[in-house]
Amino acid sequence: PDTSRISKGRRGENIAAEYLVRQGFVLLERNYRRLGCEVDIIAMDGETTVFIEVKARAGREAVTYAKQRNIIKAASVYLTENGLWDTPVRFDVAEVDLVECGIEYIKNAFQV
């Protein structure tokens, strides 16, 4: 594996997690993996279960349709495992600038 890419990703996830906590989110899981799919961060924003994809980079890059499908698949398993189908659900993206240590947070980045 590309260790520099992995460590960048981990740094980005740590910055995003700190941001989310400051915003009042309750972190539930990090790097949740099921069915060969992964969600970077799962958190509660009030009563809403939020599945968050973290993008750590210098420039902007969209979350591809295939990646969205993978996140949704893992999210479905998580909701089932935890009996959360009756809660509101949202898919967000946290774009972390590792140079500036800034974050652009996009709520409802994509829909099911």
N, C-alpha and C. Protein backbone atom coordinates (compact mmCIF):
# COMPACT_ATOMS: atom_id res chain seq x y z
N PRO A 1 0.82 -1.20 0.00
CA PRO A 1 0.00 0.00 0.00
C PRO A 1 0.86 1.26 0.00
N ASP A 2 0.30 2.32 -0.49
CA ASP A 2 0.99 3.60 -0.54
C ASP A 2 0.91 4.25 0.84
N THR A 3 1.99 4.11 1.63
CA THR A 3 1.96 4.57 3.02
C THR A 3 1.81 6.08 3.13
N SER A 4 2.34 6.84 2.16
CA SER A 4 2.19 8.30 2.24
C SER A 4 0.72 8.68 2.02
N ARG A 5 0.04 7.97 1.12
CA ARG A 5 -1.38 8.23 0.87
C ARG A 5 -2.20 7.86 2.11
N ILE A 6 -1.84 6.72 2.73
CA ILE A 6 -2.56 6.28 3.92
C ILE A 6 -2.35 7.27 5.07
N SER A 7 -1.11 7.73 5.28
CA SER A 7 -0.88 8.66 6.38
C SER A 7 -1.55 10.01 6.12
N LYS A 8 -1.61 10.44 4.85
CA LYS A 8 -2.34 11.67 4.51
C LYS A 8 -3.82 11.49 4.84
N GLY A 9 -4.35 10.34 4.46
CA GLY A 9 -5.76 10.05 4.73
C GLY A 9 -6.04 10.06 6.21
N ARG A 10 -5.16 9.44 6.99
CA ARG A 10 -5.33 9.38 8.44
C ARG A 10 -5.27 10.79 9.04
N ARG A 11 -4.32 11.60 8.57
CA ARG A 11 -4.23 12.99 9.05
C ARG A 11 -5.51 13.75 8.73
N GLY A 12 -5.99 13.58 7.49
CA GLY A 12 -7.22 14.24 7.09
C GLY A 12 -8.41 13.81 7.94
N GLU A 13 -8.49 12.51 8.23
CA GLU A 13 -9.58 12.00 9.06
C GLU A 13 -9.50 12.55 10.48
N ASN A 14 -8.28 12.68 11.02
CA ASN A 14 -8.12 13.24 12.37
C ASN A 14 -8.57 14.70 12.41
N ILE A 15 -8.20 15.48 11.39
CA ILE A 15 -8.61 16.89 11.33
C ILE A 15 -10.14 16.97 11.21
N ALA A 16 -10.71 16.12 10.35
CA ALA A 16 -12.17 16.11 10.18
C ALA A 16 -12.87 15.70 11.48
N ALA A 17 -12.35 14.69 12.17
CA ALA A 17 -12.97 14.22 13.42
C ALA A 17 -12.96 15.34 14.47
N GLU A 18 -11.83 16.05 14.59
CA GLU A 18 -11.74 17.16 15.55
C GLU A 18 -12.76 18.25 15.19
N TYR A 19 -12.87 18.55 13.90
CA TYR A 19 -13.83 19.55 13.43
C TYR A 19 -15.26 19.14 13.81
N LEU A 20 -15.60 17.88 13.54
CA LEU A 20 -16.95 17.39 13.82
C LEU A 20 -17.29 17.49 15.30
N VAL A 21 -16.36 17.11 16.15
CA VAL A 21 -16.59 17.20 17.60
C VAL A 21 -16.82 18.66 18.00
N ARG A 22 -16.02 19.58 17.45
CA ARG A 22 -16.20 21.01 17.76
C ARG A 22 -17.57 21.50 17.30
N GLN A 23 -18.11 20.89 16.23
CA GLN A 23 -19.42 21.27 15.72
C GLN A 23 -20.57 20.60 16.47
N GLY A 24 -20.24 19.77 17.46
CA GLY A 24 -21.27 19.14 18.27
C GLY A 24 -21.70 17.75 17.81
N PHE A 25 -21.02 17.19 16.82
CA PHE A 25 -21.33 15.83 16.37
C PHE A 25 -20.85 14.84 17.44
N VAL A 26 -21.51 13.69 17.52
CA VAL A 26 -21.05 12.60 18.37
C VAL A 26 -20.50 11.52 17.44
N LEU A 27 -19.20 11.25 17.57
CA LEU A 27 -18.57 10.25 16.70
C LEU A 27 -18.95 8.85 17.15
N LEU A 28 -19.36 8.02 16.18
CA LEU A 28 -19.76 6.64 16.49
C LEU A 28 -18.74 5.63 16.00
N GLU A 29 -18.22 5.84 14.80
CA GLU A 29 -17.28 4.89 14.20
C GLU A 29 -16.30 5.63 13.30
N ARG A 30 -15.11 5.04 13.17
CA ARG A 30 -14.15 5.53 12.17
C ARG A 30 -13.69 4.32 11.37
N ASN A 31 -13.52 4.52 10.09
CA ASN A 31 -13.07 3.46 9.18
C ASN A 31 -13.92 2.21 9.30
N TYR A 32 -15.24 2.40 9.23
CA TYR A 32 -16.20 1.30 9.30
C TYR A 32 -16.18 0.54 7.97
N ARG A 33 -15.87 -0.76 8.04
CA ARG A 33 -15.76 -1.57 6.84
C ARG A 33 -16.74 -2.74 6.87
N ARG A 34 -17.50 -2.88 5.78
CA ARG A 34 -18.39 -4.03 5.59
C ARG A 34 -18.54 -4.26 4.10
N LEU A 35 -18.65 -5.52 3.71
CA LEU A 35 -18.90 -5.91 2.31
C LEU A 35 -17.88 -5.29 1.35
N GLY A 36 -16.64 -5.15 1.78
CA GLY A 36 -15.61 -4.57 0.93
C GLY A 36 -15.75 -3.07 0.73
N CYS A 37 -16.59 -2.42 1.52
CA CYS A 37 -16.82 -0.98 1.41
C CYS A 37 -16.43 -0.32 2.73
N GLU A 38 -16.12 0.98 2.67
CA GLU A 38 -15.72 1.69 3.88
C GLU A 38 -16.38 3.05 3.97
N VAL A 39 -16.72 3.41 5.21
CA VAL A 39 -17.16 4.78 5.52
C VAL A 39 -16.09 5.34 6.46
N ASP A 40 -15.56 6.52 6.13
CA ASP A 40 -14.48 7.10 6.94
C ASP A 40 -14.93 7.41 8.35
N ILE A 41 -16.05 8.12 8.49
CA ILE A 41 -16.55 8.51 9.81
C ILE A 41 -18.08 8.36 9.82
N ILE A 42 -18.59 7.78 10.91
CA ILE A 42 -20.04 7.74 11.13
C ILE A 42 -20.27 8.52 12.43
N ALA A 43 -21.22 9.45 12.39
CA ALA A 43 -21.47 10.31 13.54
C ALA A 43 -22.95 10.63 13.64
N MET A 44 -23.34 11.13 14.81
CA MET A 44 -24.69 11.64 15.00
C MET A 44 -24.63 13.16 15.02
N ASP A 45 -25.50 13.78 14.25
CA ASP A 45 -25.68 15.23 14.27
C ASP A 45 -27.10 15.44 14.77
N GLY A 46 -27.23 15.61 16.08
CA GLY A 46 -28.57 15.63 16.68
C GLY A 46 -29.17 14.24 16.55
N GLU A 47 -30.33 14.16 15.88
CA GLU A 47 -31.01 12.87 15.68
C GLU A 47 -30.64 12.22 14.35
N THR A 48 -29.76 12.85 13.58
CA THR A 48 -29.43 12.36 12.24
C THR A 48 -28.16 11.52 12.25
N THR A 49 -28.24 10.32 11.65
CA THR A 49 -27.05 9.50 11.46
C THR A 49 -26.35 10.01 10.20
N VAL A 50 -25.07 10.37 10.34
CA VAL A 50 -24.33 10.98 9.25
C VAL A 50 -23.15 10.10 8.85
N PHE A 51 -23.08 9.80 7.55
CA PHE A 51 -21.98 9.02 6.99
C PHE A 51 -21.09 10.01 6.24
N ILE A 52 -19.81 10.08 6.65
CA ILE A 52 -18.93 11.15 6.18
C ILE A 52 -17.73 10.58 5.43
N GLU A 53 -17.56 11.03 4.20
CA GLU A 53 -16.39 10.70 3.39
C GLU A 53 -15.40 11.84 3.57
N VAL A 54 -14.16 11.50 3.93
CA VAL A 54 -13.11 12.50 4.12
C VAL A 54 -12.20 12.48 2.90
N LYS A 55 -12.00 13.65 2.31
CA LYS A 55 -11.07 13.80 1.19
C LYS A 55 -9.93 14.70 1.66
N ALA A 56 -8.73 14.14 1.74
CA ALA A 56 -7.57 14.92 2.18
C ALA A 56 -6.69 15.19 0.96
N ARG A 57 -6.57 16.46 0.61
CA ARG A 57 -5.83 16.80 -0.61
C ARG A 57 -5.52 18.28 -0.66
N ALA A 58 -4.85 18.65 -1.72
CA ALA A 58 -4.55 20.06 -1.96
C ALA A 58 -5.65 20.69 -2.81
N GLY A 59 -6.20 19.92 -3.77
CA GLY A 59 -7.24 20.47 -4.65
C GLY A 59 -8.56 19.76 -4.46
N ARG A 60 -9.57 20.22 -5.16
CA ARG A 60 -10.91 19.62 -5.04
C ARG A 60 -11.02 18.37 -5.91
N GLU A 61 -11.75 17.40 -5.40
CA GLU A 61 -12.02 16.19 -6.17
C GLU A 61 -13.38 15.66 -5.75
N ALA A 62 -14.19 15.34 -6.72
CA ALA A 62 -15.54 14.86 -6.41
C ALA A 62 -15.50 13.44 -5.87
N VAL A 63 -16.52 13.10 -5.10
CA VAL A 63 -16.72 11.72 -4.68
C VAL A 63 -17.43 11.04 -5.85
N THR A 64 -16.77 10.05 -6.44
CA THR A 64 -17.32 9.41 -7.63
C THR A 64 -18.62 8.67 -7.32
N TYR A 65 -19.37 8.41 -8.37
CA TYR A 65 -20.63 7.67 -8.22
C TYR A 65 -20.36 6.30 -7.62
N ALA A 66 -19.28 5.63 -8.08
CA ALA A 66 -18.94 4.30 -7.56
C ALA A 66 -18.64 4.37 -6.06
N LYS A 67 -17.91 5.40 -5.65
CA LYS A 67 -17.58 5.57 -4.23
C LYS A 67 -18.87 5.84 -3.43
N GLN A 68 -19.76 6.65 -3.98
CA GLN A 68 -21.04 6.91 -3.32
C GLN A 68 -21.80 5.61 -3.10
N ARG A 69 -21.85 4.76 -4.13
CA ARG A 69 -22.55 3.46 -4.02
C ARG A 69 -21.94 2.62 -2.91
N ASN A 70 -20.59 2.61 -2.81
CA ASN A 70 -19.91 1.84 -1.78
C ASN A 70 -20.25 2.36 -0.39
N ILE A 71 -20.25 3.68 -0.24
CA ILE A 71 -20.58 4.29 1.06
C ILE A 71 -22.01 3.93 1.43
N ILE A 72 -22.92 4.02 0.47
CA ILE A 72 -24.34 3.71 0.72
C ILE A 72 -24.50 2.23 1.12
N LYS A 73 -23.74 1.35 0.47
CA LYS A 73 -23.83 -0.08 0.78
C LYS A 73 -23.37 -0.33 2.23
N ALA A 74 -22.23 0.24 2.62
CA ALA A 74 -21.74 0.08 3.99
C ALA A 74 -22.70 0.73 4.98
N ALA A 75 -23.26 1.88 4.60
CA ALA A 75 -24.21 2.59 5.46
C ALA A 75 -25.45 1.72 5.72
N SER A 76 -25.93 1.03 4.69
CA SER A 76 -27.10 0.16 4.83
C SER A 76 -26.85 -0.94 5.86
N VAL A 77 -25.66 -1.53 5.80
CA VAL A 77 -25.31 -2.57 6.76
C VAL A 77 -25.24 -1.98 8.17
N TYR A 78 -24.62 -0.81 8.30
CA TYR A 78 -24.50 -0.17 9.61
C TYR A 78 -25.89 0.12 10.20
N LEU A 79 -26.78 0.68 9.39
CA LEU A 79 -28.13 1.00 9.87
C LEU A 79 -28.85 -0.26 10.32
N THR A 80 -28.68 -1.35 9.58
CA THR A 80 -29.32 -2.62 9.93
C THR A 80 -28.72 -3.18 11.22
N GLU A 81 -27.39 -3.21 11.31
CA GLU A 81 -26.71 -3.76 12.50
C GLU A 81 -27.10 -3.01 13.77
N ASN A 82 -27.37 -1.72 13.64
CA ASN A 82 -27.61 -0.87 14.81
C ASN A 82 -29.06 -0.45 14.98
N GLY A 83 -29.96 -1.03 14.18
CA GLY A 83 -31.39 -0.74 14.30
C GLY A 83 -31.72 0.74 14.12
N LEU A 84 -31.06 1.39 13.16
CA LEU A 84 -31.22 2.84 12.98
C LEU A 84 -32.00 3.23 11.73
N TRP A 85 -32.74 2.30 11.15
CA TRP A 85 -33.46 2.63 9.91
C TRP A 85 -34.52 3.71 10.12
N ASP A 86 -34.96 3.90 11.36
CA ASP A 86 -35.99 4.90 11.60
C ASP A 86 -35.42 6.29 11.88
N THR A 87 -34.09 6.44 11.83
CA THR A 87 -33.48 7.76 12.05
C THR A 87 -33.24 8.46 10.72
N PRO A 88 -33.24 9.79 10.72
CA PRO A 88 -32.85 10.51 9.51
C PRO A 88 -31.39 10.17 9.18
N VAL A 89 -31.08 10.13 7.89
CA VAL A 89 -29.72 9.78 7.44
C VAL A 89 -29.24 10.85 6.48
N ARG A 90 -27.93 11.14 6.57
CA ARG A 90 -27.34 12.15 5.67
C ARG A 90 -25.96 11.67 5.25
N PHE A 91 -25.58 12.04 4.03
CA PHE A 91 -24.25 11.71 3.51
C PHE A 91 -23.50 13.02 3.27
N ASP A 92 -22.42 13.22 4.02
CA ASP A 92 -21.64 14.45 3.94
C ASP A 92 -20.23 14.16 3.43
N VAL A 93 -19.56 15.20 3.00
CA VAL A 93 -18.16 15.10 2.59
C VAL A 93 -17.37 16.18 3.33
N ALA A 94 -16.23 15.78 3.88
CA ALA A 94 -15.31 16.72 4.52
C ALA A 94 -14.06 16.79 3.65
N GLU A 95 -13.85 17.95 3.02
CA GLU A 95 -12.65 18.15 2.21
C GLU A 95 -11.62 18.86 3.07
N VAL A 96 -10.52 18.17 3.35
CA VAL A 96 -9.50 18.70 4.25
C VAL A 96 -8.29 19.14 3.43
N ASP A 97 -7.89 20.37 3.64
CA ASP A 97 -6.68 20.92 3.02
C ASP A 97 -5.54 20.67 4.01
N LEU A 98 -4.65 19.73 3.67
CA LEU A 98 -3.58 19.36 4.60
C LEU A 98 -2.51 20.43 4.73
N VAL A 99 -2.40 21.30 3.73
CA VAL A 99 -1.40 22.37 3.80
C VAL A 99 -1.88 23.46 4.77
N GLU A 100 -3.12 23.89 4.59
CA GLU A 100 -3.68 24.96 5.42
C GLU A 100 -4.34 24.44 6.71
N CYS A 101 -4.50 23.10 6.79
CA CYS A 101 -5.25 22.47 7.89
C CYS A 101 -6.66 23.04 7.97
N GLY A 102 -7.20 23.41 6.82
CA GLY A 102 -8.57 23.92 6.75
C GLY A 102 -9.52 22.81 6.32
N ILE A 103 -10.80 23.09 6.48
CA ILE A 103 -11.80 22.08 6.10
C ILE A 103 -12.98 22.76 5.43
N GLU A 104 -13.43 22.15 4.35
CA GLU A 104 -14.69 22.56 3.73
C GLU A 104 -15.65 21.41 3.96
N TYR A 105 -16.73 21.70 4.67
CA TYR A 105 -17.67 20.65 5.05
C TYR A 105 -18.93 20.78 4.22
N ILE A 106 -19.28 19.71 3.51
CA ILE A 106 -20.43 19.74 2.60
C ILE A 106 -21.51 18.80 3.15
N LYS A 107 -22.59 19.41 3.67
CA LYS A 107 -23.72 18.60 4.15
C LYS A 107 -24.55 18.16 2.95
N ASN A 108 -25.14 16.97 3.06
CA ASN A 108 -25.97 16.44 1.97
C ASN A 108 -25.22 16.45 0.65
N ALA A 109 -23.98 15.97 0.68
CA ALA A 109 -23.13 16.00 -0.53
C ALA A 109 -23.72 15.12 -1.63
N PHE A 110 -24.42 14.05 -1.23
CA PHE A 110 -25.12 13.21 -2.22
C PHE A 110 -26.29 12.53 -1.52
N GLN A 111 -27.21 12.07 -2.33
CA GLN A 111 -28.44 11.44 -1.84
C GLN A 111 -28.48 9.98 -2.26
N VAL A 112 -29.28 9.21 -1.56
CA VAL A 112 -29.48 7.79 -1.93
C VAL A 112 -30.40 7.74 -3.12
